[in-house]
Amino acid sequence: MAKIVHLVGPSGTGKSSAHKSLTPLLQNAGYQVVPLVEPGPLCEQIMAYKKSPHRETLTEALLFAADRSLLYAKEVLPRLGEPNVLF
């Protein structure tokens, strides 16, 4: 069964560097690594909303939640049953 590993943190904290270091190690251990980047499918809409003068924190949080849901539905759920897949 596929597994999900989250590298979470603010911009500039080393998530991409950690990913670059971990990916070859995980691949050598027999895992297929599939990177997911957030925001995903709603990135353009989220970035446009963040520039809005009428921005609301709750609405922004809901946009990010919807984006993650779409990303998982598109990329993760179809492959959950595959062995040795890491997202």
C-alpha atoms as a PDB file:
ATOM      1  CA  MET A   1       0.000   0.000   0.000  1.00  0.00           C
ATOM      2  CA  ALA A   2       1.210   3.505  -0.840  1.00  0.00           C
ATOM      3  CA  LYS A   3       2.476   5.751   1.937  1.00  0.00           C
ATOM      4  CA  ILE A   4       2.373   9.514   2.346  1.00  0.00           C
ATOM      5  CA  VAL A   5       5.295  11.442   3.811  1.00  0.00           C
ATOM      6  CA  HIS A   6       4.724  15.142   4.453  1.00  0.00           C
ATOM      7  CA  LEU A   7       7.550  17.659   4.598  1.00  0.00           C
ATOM      8  CA  VAL A   8       5.843  20.619   6.216  1.00  0.00           C
ATOM      9  CA  GLY A   9       7.140  24.063   7.084  1.00  0.00           C
ATOM     10  CA  PRO A  10       7.275  27.695   6.039  1.00  0.00           C
ATOM     11  CA  SER A  11       9.136  28.859   2.948  1.00  0.00           C
ATOM     12  CA  GLY A  12      12.905  28.663   3.219  1.00  0.00           C
ATOM     13  CA  THR A  13      13.079  25.990   5.925  1.00  0.00           C
ATOM     14  CA  GLY A  14      14.689  23.278   3.781  1.00  0.00           C
ATOM     15  CA  LYS A  15      11.765  21.163   2.591  1.00  0.00           C
ATOM     16  CA  SER A  16      13.060  21.059  -0.998  1.00  0.00           C
ATOM     17  CA  SER A  17      16.602  20.321   0.176  1.00  0.00           C
ATOM     18  CA  ALA A  18      15.339  17.505   2.391  1.00  0.00           C
ATOM     19  CA  HIS A  19      13.332  16.122  -0.536  1.00  0.00           C
ATOM     20  CA  LYS A  20      16.396  16.188  -2.808  1.00  0.00           C
ATOM     21  CA  SER A  21      18.439  14.327  -0.193  1.00  0.00           C
ATOM     22  CA  LEU A  22      15.764  11.795   0.760  1.00  0.00           C
ATOM     23  CA  THR A  23      14.533  10.878  -2.728  1.00  0.00           C
ATOM     24  CA  PRO A  24      17.638   8.925  -3.856  1.00  0.00           C
ATOM     25  CA  LEU A  25      17.795   7.105  -0.514  1.00  0.00           C
ATOM     26  CA  LEU A  26      14.151   6.078  -0.757  1.00  0.00           C
ATOM     27  CA  GLN A  27      14.499   5.074  -4.413  1.00  0.00           C
ATOM     28  CA  ASN A  28      17.536   2.927  -3.550  1.00  0.00           C
ATOM     29  CA  ALA A  29      15.375   1.261  -0.890  1.00  0.00           C
ATOM     30  CA  GLY A  30      12.901   0.288  -3.638  1.00  0.00           C
ATOM     31  CA  TYR A  31      10.296   3.035  -3.319  1.00  0.00           C
ATOM     32  CA  GLN A  32       8.807   5.025  -6.169  1.00  0.00           C
ATOM     33  CA  VAL A  33       8.746   8.653  -4.984  1.00  0.00           C
ATOM     34  CA  VAL A  34       5.957  10.867  -6.336  1.00  0.00           C
ATOM     35  CA  PRO A  35       6.384  14.511  -5.236  1.00  0.00           C
ATOM     36  CA  LEU A  36       3.253  16.521  -4.545  1.00  0.00           C
ATOM     37  CA  VAL A  37       3.456  20.297  -4.294  1.00  0.00           C
ATOM     38  CA  GLU A  38       0.870  22.474  -2.596  1.00  0.00           C
ATOM     39  CA  PRO A  39      -0.928  24.525  -3.637  1.00  0.00           C
ATOM     40  CA  GLY A  40      -1.858  22.202  -6.454  1.00  0.00           C
ATOM     41  CA  PRO A  41      -4.757  22.381  -8.917  1.00  0.00           C
ATOM     42  CA  LEU A  42      -6.141  25.645  -7.484  1.00  0.00           C
ATOM     43  CA  CYS A  43      -2.763  27.401  -7.288  1.00  0.00           C
ATOM     44  CA  GLU A  44      -3.653  30.247  -9.659  1.00  0.00           C
ATOM     45  CA  GLN A  45      -6.976  30.903  -7.944  1.00  0.00           C
ATOM     46  CA  ILE A  46      -5.377  30.835  -4.479  1.00  0.00           C
ATOM     47  CA  MET A  47      -2.586  33.218  -5.485  1.00  0.00           C
ATOM     48  CA  ALA A  48      -5.110  35.613  -7.073  1.00  0.00           C
ATOM     49  CA  TYR A  49      -7.275  35.486  -3.945  1.00  0.00           C
ATOM     50  CA  LYS A  50      -4.284  36.194  -1.696  1.00  0.00           C
ATOM     51  CA  LYS A  51      -3.809  39.489  -3.601  1.00  0.00           C
ATOM     52  CA  SER A  52      -7.456  40.480  -3.130  1.00  0.00           C
ATOM     53  CA  PRO A  53      -8.118  43.500  -0.921  1.00  0.00           C
ATOM     54  CA  HIS A  54     -11.232  41.700   0.381  1.00  0.00           C
ATOM     55  CA  ARG A  55      -9.331  38.603   1.519  1.00  0.00           C
ATOM     56  CA  GLU A  56     -10.794  36.630   4.428  1.00  0.00           C
ATOM     57  CA  THR A  57      -8.768  34.154   6.481  1.00  0.00           C
ATOM     58  CA  LEU A  58     -11.532  31.522   6.583  1.00  0.00           C
ATOM     59  CA  THR A  59     -12.098  31.685   2.827  1.00  0.00           C
ATOM     60  CA  GLU A  60      -8.370  31.347   2.196  1.00  0.00           C
ATOM     61  CA  ALA A  61      -8.175  28.321   4.511  1.00  0.00           C
ATOM     62  CA  LEU A  62     -11.125  26.735   2.720  1.00  0.00           C
ATOM     63  CA  LEU A  63      -9.474  27.312  -0.660  1.00  0.00           C
ATOM     64  CA  PHE A  64      -6.342  25.532   0.577  1.00  0.00           C
ATOM     65  CA  ALA A  65      -8.474  22.665   1.941  1.00  0.00           C
ATOM     66  CA  ALA A  66     -10.301  22.318  -1.377  1.00  0.00           C
ATOM     67  CA  ASP A  67      -6.977  22.402  -3.226  1.00  0.00           C
ATOM     68  CA  ARG A  68      -5.544  19.598  -1.085  1.00  0.00           C
ATOM     69  CA  SER A  69      -8.705  17.543  -1.571  1.00  0.00           C
ATOM     70  CA  LEU A  70      -8.472  17.913  -5.364  1.00  0.00           C
ATOM     71  CA  LEU A  71      -4.751  17.120  -5.344  1.00  0.00           C
ATOM     72  CA  TYR A  72      -5.296  13.940  -3.335  1.00  0.00           C
ATOM     73  CA  ALA A  73      -8.269  12.872  -5.484  1.00  0.00           C
ATOM     74  CA  LYS A  74      -6.237  13.339  -8.658  1.00  0.00           C
ATOM     75  CA  GLU A  75      -2.820  12.036  -7.605  1.00  0.00           C
ATOM     76  CA  VAL A  76      -3.042   9.940  -4.434  1.00  0.00           C
ATOM     77  CA  LEU A  77      -6.344   8.055  -4.349  1.00  0.00           C
ATOM     78  CA  PRO A  78      -5.912   6.344  -7.737  1.00  0.00           C
ATOM     79  CA  ARG A  79      -2.559   4.895  -6.560  1.00  0.00           C
ATOM     80  CA  LEU A  80      -3.216   4.098  -2.897  1.00  0.00           C
ATOM     81  CA  GLY A  81      -3.217   0.354  -3.517  1.00  0.00           C
ATOM     82  CA  GLU A  82       0.172   0.338  -5.243  1.00  0.00           C
ATOM     83  CA  PRO A  83       3.000  -1.099  -3.184  1.00  0.00           C
ATOM     84  CA  ASN A  84       6.200   0.857  -2.583  1.00  0.00           C
ATOM     85  CA  VAL A  85       4.832   4.235  -3.652  1.00  0.00           C
ATOM     86  CA  LEU A  86       5.641   7.251  -1.506  1.00  0.00           C
ATOM     87  CA  PHE A  87       3.893  10.564  -1.957  1.00  0.00           C
END
